[in-house]
C-alpha atoms as a PDB file:
ATOM      1  CA  MET A   1      84.395 107.446  91.810  1.00  0.00           C
ATOM      2  CA  ASP A   2      87.011 108.156  88.874  1.00  0.00           C
ATOM      3  CA  LEU A   3      90.351 108.184  90.508  1.00  0.00           C
ATOM      4  CA  LYS A   4      92.084 108.943  87.575  1.00  0.00           C
ATOM      5  CA  GLY A   5      94.920 112.617  88.830  1.00  0.00           C
ATOM      6  CA  ARG A   6      93.114 111.979  92.265  1.00  0.00           C
ATOM      7  CA  GLY A   7      94.403 112.588  96.014  1.00  0.00           C
ATOM      8  CA  VAL A   8      93.987 109.630  97.591  1.00  0.00           C
ATOM      9  CA  ILE A   9      95.644 108.692 101.454  1.00  0.00           C
ATOM     10  CA  VAL A  10      95.912 105.312 102.810  1.00  0.00           C
ATOM     11  CA  THR A  11      96.951 104.871 106.313  1.00  0.00           C
ATOM     12  CA  GLY A  12      98.527 101.994 107.593  1.00  0.00           C
ATOM     13  CA  GLY A  13      99.519 101.425 103.942  1.00  0.00           C
ATOM     14  CA  GLY A  14     102.869  99.384 104.478  1.00  0.00           C
ATOM     15  CA  SER A  15     101.262  95.980 104.205  1.00  0.00           C
ATOM     16  CA  GLY A  16      98.238  93.643 104.087  1.00  0.00           C
ATOM     17  CA  ILE A  17      94.923  95.698 102.867  1.00  0.00           C
ATOM     18  CA  GLY A  18      96.516  99.099 103.362  1.00  0.00           C
ATOM     19  CA  ALA A  19      99.213  98.238 100.844  1.00  0.00           C
ATOM     20  CA  ALA A  20      96.498  96.430  98.416  1.00  0.00           C
ATOM     21  CA  LEU A  21      94.036  98.913  98.424  1.00  0.00           C
ATOM     22  CA  ALA A  22      97.238 101.733  97.871  1.00  0.00           C
ATOM     23  CA  ARG A  23      98.005  99.716  94.803  1.00  0.00           C
ATOM     24  CA  ARG A  24      94.642  99.521  93.401  1.00  0.00           C
ATOM     25  CA  PHE A  25      94.247 103.190  93.555  1.00  0.00           C
ATOM     26  CA  ALA A  26      97.587 103.491  92.038  1.00  0.00           C
ATOM     27  CA  ASP A  27      96.063 101.197  89.634  1.00  0.00           C
ATOM     28  CA  GLN A  28      93.713 103.878  88.882  1.00  0.00           C
ATOM     29  CA  GLY A  29      95.652 106.724  88.454  1.00  0.00           C
ATOM     30  CA  ALA A  30      95.597 108.118  91.183  1.00  0.00           C
ATOM     31  CA  PHE A  31      98.582 110.069  93.536  1.00  0.00           C
ATOM     32  CA  VAL A  32      98.727 107.927  96.445  1.00  0.00           C
ATOM     33  CA  ALA A  33     100.121 108.996  99.930  1.00  0.00           C
ATOM     34  CA  ILE A  34     100.644 106.193 101.717  1.00  0.00           C
ATOM     35  CA  ILE A  35     101.294 106.818 105.967  1.00  0.00           C
ATOM     36  CA  ASP A  36     102.280 103.562 108.377  1.00  0.00           C
ATOM     37  CA  ARG A  37     104.434 103.285 111.383  1.00  0.00           C
ATOM     38  CA  ASP A  38     107.062 101.057 109.409  1.00  0.00           C
ATOM     39  CA  ALA A  39     109.120 103.504 107.686  1.00  0.00           C
ATOM     40  CA  ASP A  40     111.131 100.750 105.347  1.00  0.00           C
ATOM     41  CA  ALA A  41     107.553  99.113 104.885  1.00  0.00           C
ATOM     42  CA  THR A  42     105.785 102.709 103.719  1.00  0.00           C
ATOM     43  CA  LYS A  43     108.743 103.450 101.565  1.00  0.00           C
ATOM     44  CA  ALA A  44     108.596 100.092  99.511  1.00  0.00           C
ATOM     45  CA  VAL A  45     104.998 100.563  98.556  1.00  0.00           C
ATOM     46  CA  ALA A  46     105.569 103.830  97.858  1.00  0.00           C
ATOM     47  CA  ASP A  47     108.303 103.322  95.530  1.00  0.00           C
ATOM     48  CA  GLU A  48     106.425 100.282  94.213  1.00  0.00           C
ATOM     49  CA  ILE A  49     103.502 102.450  92.831  1.00  0.00           C
ATOM     50  CA  ALA A  50     105.716 106.160  92.276  1.00  0.00           C
ATOM     51  CA  GLY A  51     103.340 106.927  95.458  1.00  0.00           C
ATOM     52  CA  LEU A  52     104.272 109.436  98.403  1.00  0.00           C
ATOM     53  CA  ALA A  53     105.871 107.561 101.933  1.00  0.00           C
ATOM     54  CA  LEU A  54     105.276 109.504 104.829  1.00  0.00           C
ATOM     55  CA  PRO A  55     106.427 107.485 107.828  1.00  0.00           C
ATOM     56  CA  GLY A  56     104.573 108.252 110.698  1.00  0.00           C
ATOM     57  CA  ASP A  57     102.552 106.713 114.170  1.00  0.00           C
ATOM     58  CA  VAL A  58      98.742 107.906 113.097  1.00  0.00           C
ATOM     59  CA  SER A  59      98.176 107.884 116.712  1.00  0.00           C
ATOM     60  CA  ASP A  60      99.912 110.932 118.051  1.00  0.00           C
ATOM     61  CA  PRO A  61      97.728 113.650 116.967  1.00  0.00           C
ATOM     62  CA  ASP A  62     100.051 115.701 114.855  1.00  0.00           C
ATOM     63  CA  ILE A  63     100.674 113.363 112.572  1.00  0.00           C
ATOM     64  CA  MET A  64      97.620 113.107 110.627  1.00  0.00           C
ATOM     65  CA  PRO A  65      97.214 116.909 109.827  1.00  0.00           C
ATOM     66  CA  MET A  66     100.817 116.849 108.964  1.00  0.00           C
ATOM     67  CA  PHE A  67     100.745 114.602 106.384  1.00  0.00           C
ATOM     68  CA  THR A  68      97.175 115.411 105.081  1.00  0.00           C
ATOM     69  CA  SER A  69      98.486 119.029 104.246  1.00  0.00           C
ATOM     70  CA  ILE A  70     101.696 117.895 102.829  1.00  0.00           C
ATOM     71  CA  ALA A  71      99.642 115.075 100.418  1.00  0.00           C
ATOM     72  CA  GLU A  72      97.668 118.537  99.394  1.00  0.00           C
ATOM     73  CA  ASP A  73     100.548 120.194  98.652  1.00  0.00           C
ATOM     74  CA  ARG A  74     102.059 117.967  96.701  1.00  0.00           C
ATOM     75  CA  PHE A  75      98.728 116.610  94.761  1.00  0.00           C
ATOM     76  CA  GLY A  76      97.288 119.664  94.262  1.00  0.00           C
ATOM     77  CA  ARG A  77      94.122 117.801  96.071  1.00  0.00           C
ATOM     78  CA  LEU A  78      92.821 115.257  97.976  1.00  0.00           C
ATOM     79  CA  ASP A  79      89.512 113.499  97.234  1.00  0.00           C
ATOM     80  CA  LEU A  80      89.827 109.746  99.409  1.00  0.00           C
ATOM     81  CA  VAL A  81      90.913 109.472 102.731  1.00  0.00           C
ATOM     82  CA  MET A  82      91.244 105.386 103.693  1.00  0.00           C
ATOM     83  CA  LEU A  83      91.509 105.028 107.588  1.00  0.00           C
ATOM     84  CA  ASN A  84      92.850 101.479 107.443  1.00  0.00           C
ATOM     85  CA  ALA A  85      95.420 101.514 110.462  1.00  0.00           C
ATOM     86  CA  GLY A  86      94.653  99.355 113.052  1.00  0.00           C
ATOM     87  CA  ILE A  87      95.811  96.390 115.817  1.00  0.00           C
ATOM     88  CA  GLY A  88      94.767  93.905 117.617  1.00  0.00           C
ATOM     89  CA  GLY A  89      93.610  93.905 120.990  1.00  0.00           C
ATOM     90  CA  LYS A  90      96.035  90.653 122.779  1.00  0.00           C
ATOM     91  CA  GLN A  91      93.831  91.207 125.816  1.00  0.00           C
ATOM     92  CA  SER A  92      90.351  90.270 127.236  1.00  0.00           C
ATOM     93  CA  GLY A  93      90.598  93.889 129.642  1.00  0.00           C
ATOM     94  CA  VAL A  94      87.913  91.825 131.451  1.00  0.00           C
ATOM     95  CA  GLU A  95      89.500  90.079 134.254  1.00  0.00           C
ATOM     96  CA  SER A  96      93.173  92.723 134.159  1.00  0.00           C
ATOM     97  CA  LEU A  97      93.986  95.241 132.634  1.00  0.00           C
ATOM     98  CA  ASP A  98      97.140  96.546 130.752  1.00  0.00           C
ATOM     99  CA  VAL A  99      96.698 100.415 130.965  1.00  0.00           C
ATOM    100  CA  GLU A 100     100.149 100.796 127.919  1.00  0.00           C
ATOM    101  CA  ALA A 101      98.689  98.256 125.754  1.00  0.00           C
ATOM    102  CA  TYR A 102      94.912  99.649 126.263  1.00  0.00           C
ATOM    103  CA  ARG A 103      95.533 103.006 124.986  1.00  0.00           C
ATOM    104  CA  ARG A 104      97.694 102.038 122.139  1.00  0.00           C
ATOM    105  CA  LEU A 105      95.224  99.885 120.983  1.00  0.00           C
ATOM    106  CA  VAL A 106      92.601 102.792 121.337  1.00  0.00           C
ATOM    107  CA  GLY A 107      95.207 105.706 119.695  1.00  0.00           C
ATOM    108  CA  VAL A 108      95.245 103.644 116.769  1.00  0.00           C
ATOM    109  CA  ASN A 109      92.413 102.534 116.579  1.00  0.00           C
ATOM    110  CA  VAL A 110      90.092 105.409 117.512  1.00  0.00           C
ATOM    111  CA  ASP A 111      91.649 108.609 117.494  1.00  0.00           C
ATOM    112  CA  HIS A 112      93.489 107.768 114.302  1.00  0.00           C
ATOM    113  CA  VAL A 113      90.196 107.783 113.088  1.00  0.00           C
ATOM    114  CA  VAL A 114      89.123 110.971 114.605  1.00  0.00           C
ATOM    115  CA  TYR A 115      92.585 112.791 113.471  1.00  0.00           C
ATOM    116  CA  GLY A 116      91.746 111.188 110.133  1.00  0.00           C
ATOM    117  CA  VAL A 117      88.467 112.773 109.410  1.00  0.00           C
ATOM    118  CA  SER A 118      89.057 116.147 111.672  1.00  0.00           C
ATOM    119  CA  ALA A 119      92.058 116.588 109.342  1.00  0.00           C
ATOM    120  CA  ALA A 120      90.586 115.267 106.264  1.00  0.00           C
ATOM    121  CA  VAL A 121      86.781 117.475 105.704  1.00  0.00           C
ATOM    122  CA  PRO A 122      88.580 121.256 105.828  1.00  0.00           C
ATOM    123  CA  VAL A 123      90.999 119.699 103.328  1.00  0.00           C
ATOM    124  CA  LEU A 124      87.335 117.807 100.781  1.00  0.00           C
ATOM    125  CA  ARG A 125      85.535 120.610 101.310  1.00  0.00           C
ATOM    126  CA  ARG A 126      88.402 122.997  99.242  1.00  0.00           C
ATOM    127  CA  TYR A 127      87.605 120.647  96.235  1.00  0.00           C
ATOM    128  CA  GLY A 128      83.477 120.100  96.598  1.00  0.00           C
ATOM    129  CA  GLY A 129      83.791 117.003  98.413  1.00  0.00           C
ATOM    130  CA  GLY A 130      85.206 113.869  98.582  1.00  0.00           C
ATOM    131  CA  THR A 131      85.000 110.710 100.745  1.00  0.00           C
ATOM    132  CA  VAL A 132      86.500 108.995 104.045  1.00  0.00           C
ATOM    133  CA  ILE A 133      86.634 105.004 104.524  1.00  0.00           C
ATOM    134  CA  ALA A 134      87.649 103.472 108.536  1.00  0.00           C
ATOM    135  CA  THR A 135      88.488 100.126 108.259  1.00  0.00           C
ATOM    136  CA  ALA A 136      86.825  98.862 111.187  1.00  0.00           C
ATOM    137  CA  SER A 137      85.861  95.037 111.163  1.00  0.00           C
ATOM    138  CA  LEU A 138      82.833  92.683 111.481  1.00  0.00           C
ATOM    139  CA  ALA A 139      83.734  93.268 115.263  1.00  0.00           C
ATOM    140  CA  GLY A 140      82.290  96.491 115.087  1.00  0.00           C
ATOM    141  CA  LEU A 141      78.902  95.425 114.451  1.00  0.00           C
ATOM    142  CA  LEU A 142      78.723  91.639 116.511  1.00  0.00           C
ATOM    143  CA  PRO A 143      80.606  91.465 119.941  1.00  0.00           C
ATOM    144  CA  MET A 144      83.922  89.517 119.371  1.00  0.00           C
ATOM    145  CA  PRO A 145      84.194  87.733 122.545  1.00  0.00           C
ATOM    146  CA  THR A 146      87.815  86.611 122.109  1.00  0.00           C
ATOM    147  CA  ASP A 147      88.784  90.229 122.034  1.00  0.00           C
ATOM    148  CA  PRO A 148      86.469  92.372 123.987  1.00  0.00           C
ATOM    149  CA  LEU A 149      88.700  95.373 123.864  1.00  0.00           C
ATOM    150  CA  TYR A 150      89.416  95.350 119.708  1.00  0.00           C
ATOM    151  CA  THR A 151      85.197  94.999 120.533  1.00  0.00           C
ATOM    152  CA  LEU A 152      84.870  97.883 121.832  1.00  0.00           C
ATOM    153  CA  THR A 153      87.669  99.913 119.379  1.00  0.00           C
ATOM    154  CA  LYS A 154      85.764  98.569 116.345  1.00  0.00           C
ATOM    155  CA  HIS A 155      82.193  99.759 117.523  1.00  0.00           C
ATOM    156  CA  ALA A 156      83.304 103.490 118.078  1.00  0.00           C
ATOM    157  CA  VAL A 157      84.865 103.213 114.758  1.00  0.00           C
ATOM    158  CA  VAL A 158      81.517 102.725 113.382  1.00  0.00           C
ATOM    159  CA  GLY A 159      78.848 104.897 115.266  1.00  0.00           C
ATOM    160  CA  TYR A 160      81.587 107.196 114.635  1.00  0.00           C
ATOM    161  CA  VAL A 161      81.607 107.067 110.833  1.00  0.00           C
ATOM    162  CA  ARG A 162      77.338 106.883 111.280  1.00  0.00           C
ATOM    163  CA  ALA A 163      77.182 109.843 113.319  1.00  0.00           C
ATOM    164  CA  ALA A 164      79.715 111.716 110.869  1.00  0.00           C
ATOM    165  CA  GLY A 165      78.375 110.528 108.057  1.00  0.00           C
ATOM    166  CA  ALA A 166      74.814 112.011 108.346  1.00  0.00           C
ATOM    167  CA  HIS A 167      76.566 115.143 109.620  1.00  0.00           C
ATOM    168  CA  LEU A 168      78.549 115.775 106.318  1.00  0.00           C
ATOM    169  CA  ALA A 169      76.526 113.865 103.602  1.00  0.00           C
ATOM    170  CA  ASP A 170      74.969 117.349 102.628  1.00  0.00           C
ATOM    171  CA  GLU A 171      78.494 118.806 102.227  1.00  0.00           C
ATOM    172  CA  GLY A 172      78.536 115.929  99.484  1.00  0.00           C
ATOM    173  CA  ILE A 173      81.194 114.636 101.962  1.00  0.00           C
ATOM    174  CA  ARG A 174      80.931 110.987 102.357  1.00  0.00           C
ATOM    175  CA  VAL A 175      82.295 108.959 105.433  1.00  0.00           C
ATOM    176  CA  CYS A 176      81.524 105.109 105.605  1.00  0.00           C
ATOM    177  CA  ALA A 177      83.009 102.294 107.623  1.00  0.00           C
ATOM    178  CA  LEU A 178      84.301  98.962 106.311  1.00  0.00           C
ATOM    179  CA  CYS A 179      83.852  96.192 108.460  1.00  0.00           C
ATOM    180  CA  PRO A 180      85.490  92.478 106.988  1.00  0.00           C
ATOM    181  CA  GLY A 181      86.075  89.491 108.768  1.00  0.00           C
ATOM    182  CA  PHE A 182      89.087  87.659 109.576  1.00  0.00           C
ATOM    183  CA  VAL A 183      91.982  88.440 106.239  1.00  0.00           C
ATOM    184  CA  ASP A 184      94.692  86.808 106.007  1.00  0.00           C
ATOM    185  CA  THR A 185      96.936  89.667 106.571  1.00  0.00           C
ATOM    186  CA  PRO A 186     100.196  89.800 108.732  1.00  0.00           C
ATOM    187  CA  LEU A 187      97.954  90.886 111.438  1.00  0.00           C
ATOM    188  CA  ILE A 188      96.988  87.475 112.481  1.00  0.00           C
ATOM    189  CA  ALA A 189     100.125  85.573 111.082  1.00  0.00           C
ATOM    190  CA  ALA A 190     100.683  84.822 114.606  1.00  0.00           C
ATOM    191  CA  GLU A 191      97.230  83.245 115.094  1.00  0.00           C
ATOM    192  CA  ARG A 192      97.014  81.916 111.206  1.00  0.00           C
ATOM    193  CA  GLU A 193      97.205  77.977 112.370  1.00  0.00           C
ATOM    194  CA  GLN A 194      94.713  78.583 114.617  1.00  0.00           C
ATOM    195  CA  PHE A 195      91.688  79.099 112.102  1.00  0.00           C
ATOM    196  CA  GLY A 196      92.576  76.038 110.919  1.00  0.00           C
ATOM    197  CA  ASP A 197      89.323  75.809 107.911  1.00  0.00           C
ATOM    198  CA  PHE A 198      87.930  78.004 108.735  1.00  0.00           C
ATOM    199  CA  PRO A 199      87.146  80.619 106.291  1.00  0.00           C
ATOM    200  CA  LEU A 200      89.717  83.687 105.270  1.00  0.00           C
ATOM    201  CA  LEU A 201      89.019  86.898 103.161  1.00  0.00           C
ATOM    202  CA  SER A 202      91.911  87.522 101.208  1.00  0.00           C
ATOM    203  CA  THR A 203      93.368  91.094 100.270  1.00  0.00           C
ATOM    204  CA  GLY A 204      91.820  91.349  96.797  1.00  0.00           C
ATOM    205  CA  ASP A 205      88.312  90.590  98.890  1.00  0.00           C
ATOM    206  CA  VAL A 206      88.943  93.513 101.081  1.00  0.00           C
ATOM    207  CA  VAL A 207      89.908  95.451  97.439  1.00  0.00           C
ATOM    208  CA  ALA A 208      86.562  94.536  95.618  1.00  0.00           C
ATOM    209  CA  ALA A 209      84.778  95.669  99.017  1.00  0.00           C
ATOM    210  CA  VAL A 210      86.136  99.135  98.792  1.00  0.00           C
ATOM    211  CA  ASP A 211      85.208  99.591  95.349  1.00  0.00           C
ATOM    212  CA  ALA A 212      81.893  99.200  96.141  1.00  0.00           C
ATOM    213  CA  ILE A 213      81.820 101.152  98.123  1.00  0.00           C
ATOM    214  CA  LEU A 214      83.007 103.820  95.822  1.00  0.00           C
ATOM    215  CA  ASP A 215      81.154 103.197  93.717  1.00  0.00           C
ATOM    216  CA  ARG A 216      77.478 102.866  95.343  1.00  0.00           C
ATOM    217  CA  GLY A 217      78.177 103.686  99.547  1.00  0.00           C
ATOM    218  CA  VAL A 218      76.000 106.218 101.068  1.00  0.00           C
ATOM    219  CA  SER A 219      77.708 108.360 103.670  1.00  0.00           C
ATOM    220  CA  GLY A 220      76.663 106.840 107.453  1.00  0.00           C
ATOM    221  CA  GLU A 221      76.962 103.120 106.307  1.00  0.00           C
ATOM    222  CA  ALA A 222      78.652 100.211 107.180  1.00  0.00           C
ATOM    223  CA  TRP A 223      79.457  98.132 104.992  1.00  0.00           C
ATOM    224  CA  PHE A 224      79.756  94.034 105.831  1.00  0.00           C
ATOM    225  CA  VAL A 225      82.699  91.699 104.346  1.00  0.00           C
ATOM    226  CA  GLN A 226      82.486  88.438 104.946  1.00  0.00           C
ATOM    227  CA  PRO A 227      83.278  84.759 102.968  1.00  0.00           C
ATOM    228  CA  GLY A 228      81.543  83.657 100.049  1.00  0.00           C
ATOM    229  CA  ARG A 229      79.229  86.849 100.209  1.00  0.00           C
ATOM    230  CA  GLU A 230      78.464  90.133  98.443  1.00  0.00           C
ATOM    231  CA  PRO A 231      79.700  93.324 100.208  1.00  0.00           C
ATOM    232  CA  ALA A 232      76.724  95.582 101.408  1.00  0.00           C
ATOM    233  CA  PRO A 233      75.696  97.714 103.674  1.00  0.00           C
ATOM    234  CA  TYR A 234      74.492  96.397 107.352  1.00  0.00           C
ATOM    235  CA  GLY A 235      71.172  96.929 108.053  1.00  0.00           C
ATOM    236  CA  PHE A 236      70.515  98.073 111.664  1.00  0.00           C
ATOM    237  CA  ARG A 237      66.965  97.114 112.222  1.00  0.00           C
ATOM    238  CA  GLY A 238      64.909  99.372 114.274  1.00  0.00           C
ATOM    239  CA  VAL A 239      67.656 101.322 115.241  1.00  0.00           C
ATOM    240  CA  PRO A 240      67.579 105.473 113.022  1.00  0.00           C
ATOM    241  CA  GLY A 241      70.029 105.661 110.249  1.00  0.00           C
ATOM    242  CA  PRO A 242      71.819 104.605 107.248  1.00  0.00           C
ATOM    243  CA  ALA A 243      70.218 100.977 106.908  1.00  0.00           C
ATOM    244  CA  GLY A 244      71.449  99.545 103.458  1.00  0.00           C
ATOM    245  CA  GLY A 245      68.030  97.450 103.000  1.00  0.00           C
ATOM    246  CA  VAL A 246      69.721  93.850 103.641  1.00  0.00           C
ATOM    247  CA  ALA A 247      68.979  91.953 106.934  1.00  0.00           C
ATOM    248  CA  PRO A 248      72.497  91.893 108.777  1.00  0.00           C
ATOM    249  CA  PRO A 249      74.480  88.777 108.355  1.00  0.00           C
ATOM    250  CA  LYS A 250      74.607  85.741 109.874  1.00  0.00           C
ATOM    251  CA  MET A 251      78.232  85.630 111.530  1.00  0.00           C
ATOM    252  CA  THR A 252      80.134  83.848 113.172  1.00  0.00           C
ATOM    253  CA  TRP A 253      83.931  83.493 115.167  1.00  0.00           C
ATOM    254  CA  SER A 254      86.478  81.214 115.358  1.00  0.00           C
ATOM    255  CA  GLU A 255      88.165  80.613 118.699  1.00  0.00           C
END
């Protein structure tokens, strides 16, 4: 996918994976809008890449439609929407439940993806199609026992992408999920020492996976990203829908 002169949105672009992707897209000649709750970080990254800073809370149902419209007006088109914003669960949700924290988790990890896709699709149609990539997780493919609620949200994203991708494929609108393992970003900074020698992905690994999706991804696919392996579509054995023709990867989790 040639991004030169194309309009791109990256949510969660103020740090970590989102910031790395924003830089990559700008390096490829795209016009990039960065959406992030942290206004200072949003502005800093946008200034660095001569992009558009749009600070806001993606769990607000009005934010994605409003900012998608602003990006289209500013860039004259929209071609790629990277729905990358996400937060951790930080509670099991099994023995007890902090309802406010749970609703916040679902709002960012699930609602924001639905709001983003529904806002992007009409705009992408106007320009003959495009791509939406939602950042899920390996926890969207296999359970992560240490964080059941996070697992719930990422499974929801993968299921939504698989269905929406099939629904939109004939229109030239591609919807894919990005499913990385643990990435060395601020999201896990507080627990970084607990990982010890457990292999972590770099943001560069994830950026390379997105490049691969843009190059050859098929709508409805969920791409796994693990250290030491080539990123590829996850093979949903015996389940209808995009499979990618590969065996499911062996996955391990750190306690």
